[in-house]
N, C-alpha and C. Protein backbone atom coordinates (compact mmCIF):
# COMPACT_ATOMS: atom_id res chain seq x y z
N MET A 1 9.56 4.02 14.48
CA MET A 1 8.12 3.98 14.61
C MET A 1 7.76 3.97 16.10
N ASN A 2 6.85 4.83 16.49
CA ASN A 2 6.43 4.80 17.88
C ASN A 2 5.28 3.81 18.06
N GLU A 3 4.86 3.63 19.28
CA GLU A 3 3.86 2.61 19.59
C GLU A 3 2.52 2.89 18.90
N GLU A 4 2.12 4.14 18.85
CA GLU A 4 0.84 4.51 18.21
C GLU A 4 0.88 4.20 16.71
N GLU A 5 1.98 4.51 16.06
CA GLU A 5 2.12 4.21 14.63
C GLU A 5 2.11 2.71 14.38
N MET A 6 2.72 1.96 15.31
CA MET A 6 2.75 0.51 15.17
C MET A 6 1.34 -0.07 15.30
N LYS A 7 0.53 0.48 16.19
CA LYS A 7 -0.84 0.01 16.35
C LYS A 7 -1.66 0.30 15.10
N LYS A 8 -1.46 1.46 14.51
CA LYS A 8 -2.16 1.80 13.27
C LYS A 8 -1.73 0.87 12.14
N ARG A 9 -0.43 0.62 12.05
CA ARG A 9 0.10 -0.29 11.03
C ARG A 9 -0.47 -1.69 11.22
N LEU A 10 -0.59 -2.12 12.47
CA LEU A 10 -1.14 -3.43 12.79
C LEU A 10 -2.59 -3.53 12.32
N ASP A 11 -3.37 -2.49 12.52
CA ASP A 11 -4.76 -2.48 12.06
C ASP A 11 -4.84 -2.59 10.54
N VAL A 12 -3.97 -1.87 9.84
CA VAL A 12 -3.93 -1.91 8.38
C VAL A 12 -3.57 -3.31 7.90
N LEU A 13 -2.57 -3.91 8.52
CA LEU A 13 -2.13 -5.25 8.13
C LEU A 13 -3.23 -6.28 8.38
N ARG A 14 -3.91 -6.17 9.51
CA ARG A 14 -4.99 -7.11 9.81
C ARG A 14 -6.13 -6.99 8.80
N THR A 15 -6.45 -5.76 8.42
CA THR A 15 -7.51 -5.54 7.42
C THR A 15 -7.11 -6.14 6.08
N GLU A 16 -5.89 -5.91 5.67
CA GLU A 16 -5.41 -6.46 4.41
C GLU A 16 -5.39 -7.99 4.45
N HIS A 17 -5.03 -8.56 5.60
CA HIS A 17 -5.01 -10.01 5.76
C HIS A 17 -6.43 -10.58 5.60
N ARG A 18 -7.41 -9.93 6.22
CA ARG A 18 -8.81 -10.38 6.08
C ARG A 18 -9.29 -10.26 4.64
N ASP A 19 -8.91 -9.17 3.98
CA ASP A 19 -9.30 -8.97 2.59
C ASP A 19 -8.71 -10.04 1.69
N LEU A 20 -7.45 -10.37 1.92
CA LEU A 20 -6.82 -11.43 1.13
C LEU A 20 -7.50 -12.77 1.38
N ASP A 21 -7.86 -13.03 2.61
CA ASP A 21 -8.55 -14.28 2.94
C ASP A 21 -9.87 -14.36 2.17
N ALA A 22 -10.61 -13.26 2.14
CA ALA A 22 -11.88 -13.23 1.41
C ALA A 22 -11.65 -13.42 -0.09
N ALA A 23 -10.60 -12.80 -0.62
CA ALA A 23 -10.30 -12.92 -2.05
C ALA A 23 -9.92 -14.36 -2.41
N ILE A 24 -9.13 -14.99 -1.56
CA ILE A 24 -8.74 -16.38 -1.80
C ILE A 24 -9.97 -17.29 -1.77
N ASP A 25 -10.83 -17.08 -0.78
CA ASP A 25 -12.05 -17.88 -0.68
C ASP A 25 -12.94 -17.67 -1.91
N ALA A 26 -13.05 -16.43 -2.37
CA ALA A 26 -13.89 -16.15 -3.53
C ALA A 26 -13.34 -16.81 -4.79
N LEU A 27 -12.03 -16.72 -4.98
CA LEU A 27 -11.43 -17.35 -6.16
C LEU A 27 -11.55 -18.88 -6.11
N SER A 28 -11.32 -19.43 -4.93
CA SER A 28 -11.41 -20.88 -4.78
C SER A 28 -12.85 -21.35 -4.93
N GLY A 29 -13.77 -20.62 -4.36
CA GLY A 29 -15.18 -20.98 -4.42
C GLY A 29 -15.77 -20.85 -5.81
N ALA A 30 -15.23 -19.94 -6.60
CA ALA A 30 -15.73 -19.72 -7.95
C ALA A 30 -15.16 -20.74 -8.93
N GLY A 31 -14.33 -21.62 -8.42
CA GLY A 31 -13.73 -22.63 -9.29
C GLY A 31 -12.70 -22.05 -10.23
N SER A 32 -11.99 -21.05 -9.75
CA SER A 32 -10.98 -20.39 -10.57
C SER A 32 -9.88 -21.38 -10.97
N THR A 33 -9.49 -21.30 -12.21
CA THR A 33 -8.41 -22.17 -12.69
C THR A 33 -7.06 -21.48 -12.60
N ASP A 34 -7.04 -20.26 -12.10
CA ASP A 34 -5.80 -19.50 -11.98
C ASP A 34 -5.12 -19.83 -10.65
N GLN A 35 -4.53 -21.01 -10.58
CA GLN A 35 -3.88 -21.46 -9.36
C GLN A 35 -2.66 -20.62 -9.00
N LEU A 36 -2.02 -20.07 -10.01
CA LEU A 36 -0.86 -19.22 -9.76
C LEU A 36 -1.27 -17.96 -8.99
N GLN A 37 -2.37 -17.37 -9.38
CA GLN A 37 -2.87 -16.18 -8.69
C GLN A 37 -3.24 -16.51 -7.24
N ILE A 38 -3.89 -17.63 -7.05
CA ILE A 38 -4.27 -18.04 -5.69
C ILE A 38 -3.01 -18.28 -4.85
N ALA A 39 -2.02 -18.92 -5.43
CA ALA A 39 -0.76 -19.17 -4.70
C ALA A 39 -0.08 -17.86 -4.32
N ARG A 40 -0.09 -16.90 -5.21
CA ARG A 40 0.52 -15.59 -4.91
C ARG A 40 -0.21 -14.90 -3.77
N LEU A 41 -1.54 -14.98 -3.79
CA LEU A 41 -2.32 -14.36 -2.72
C LEU A 41 -2.03 -15.04 -1.39
N LYS A 42 -1.89 -16.35 -1.40
CA LYS A 42 -1.59 -17.08 -0.17
C LYS A 42 -0.21 -16.71 0.37
N LYS A 43 0.76 -16.54 -0.52
CA LYS A 43 2.11 -16.14 -0.08
C LYS A 43 2.07 -14.75 0.53
N ARG A 44 1.33 -13.85 -0.10
CA ARG A 44 1.19 -12.49 0.42
C ARG A 44 0.54 -12.52 1.80
N LYS A 45 -0.48 -13.36 1.94
CA LYS A 45 -1.18 -13.50 3.21
C LYS A 45 -0.23 -13.99 4.30
N LEU A 46 0.64 -14.94 3.97
CA LEU A 46 1.62 -15.45 4.94
C LEU A 46 2.62 -14.37 5.35
N ARG A 47 3.06 -13.56 4.37
CA ARG A 47 3.99 -12.47 4.70
C ARG A 47 3.32 -11.47 5.64
N LEU A 48 2.04 -11.18 5.38
CA LEU A 48 1.31 -10.27 6.26
C LEU A 48 1.20 -10.85 7.67
N LYS A 49 0.93 -12.15 7.75
CA LYS A 49 0.82 -12.80 9.05
C LYS A 49 2.13 -12.68 9.82
N ASP A 50 3.25 -12.84 9.13
CA ASP A 50 4.56 -12.70 9.78
C ASP A 50 4.77 -11.28 10.28
N GLN A 51 4.40 -10.29 9.48
CA GLN A 51 4.54 -8.89 9.89
C GLN A 51 3.65 -8.59 11.09
N ILE A 52 2.43 -9.12 11.06
CA ILE A 52 1.50 -8.92 12.18
C ILE A 52 2.10 -9.52 13.45
N SER A 53 2.64 -10.71 13.35
CA SER A 53 3.24 -11.38 14.51
C SER A 53 4.42 -10.59 15.07
N MET A 54 5.26 -10.05 14.19
CA MET A 54 6.41 -9.27 14.65
C MET A 54 5.96 -8.04 15.43
N ILE A 55 4.97 -7.33 14.90
CA ILE A 55 4.50 -6.12 15.58
C ILE A 55 3.83 -6.48 16.90
N GLU A 56 3.01 -7.54 16.90
CA GLU A 56 2.35 -7.96 18.14
C GLU A 56 3.38 -8.35 19.19
N ASP A 57 4.43 -9.05 18.78
CA ASP A 57 5.48 -9.44 19.73
C ASP A 57 6.16 -8.22 20.32
N TYR A 58 6.34 -7.20 19.51
CA TYR A 58 6.99 -5.98 20.01
C TYR A 58 6.07 -5.23 20.97
N LEU A 59 4.77 -5.16 20.62
CA LEU A 59 3.83 -4.39 21.43
C LEU A 59 3.44 -5.10 22.73
N ILE A 60 3.46 -6.44 22.71
CA ILE A 60 3.07 -7.20 23.89
C ILE A 60 4.33 -7.91 24.41
N PRO A 61 4.97 -7.32 25.40
CA PRO A 61 6.23 -7.90 25.90
C PRO A 61 5.98 -9.22 26.62
N ASP A 62 6.98 -10.07 26.56
CA ASP A 62 6.93 -11.35 27.27
C ASP A 62 6.99 -11.09 28.76
N ILE A 63 6.20 -11.85 29.50
CA ILE A 63 6.20 -11.72 30.95
C ILE A 63 6.95 -12.92 31.51
N ILE A 64 8.02 -12.65 32.20
CA ILE A 64 8.82 -13.72 32.80
C ILE A 64 8.26 -14.00 34.18
N ALA A 65 7.83 -15.24 34.38
CA ALA A 65 7.20 -15.61 35.65
C ALA A 65 8.23 -15.91 36.70
C-alpha cells in the first residue's frame, strides 16, 4: 500500500468508527436490551481504533529529539 492509499483507508476507517459510535449511542439511548449487539459493536470499534492507530503511526514518523 502506498501513502495515498493509506490516507484513503484511514479516512474510511475514521468514518466507520464515527458511524459505530453513533450506532452504539443510539442503541444505548433507546434502552436497547440487546447487550450482546452493543458489545459486538464496541469490539468492532476498538479494532477500528487499533487499525487507525497503526496507519497513523506509519504515516507520522517519530521525531527523535
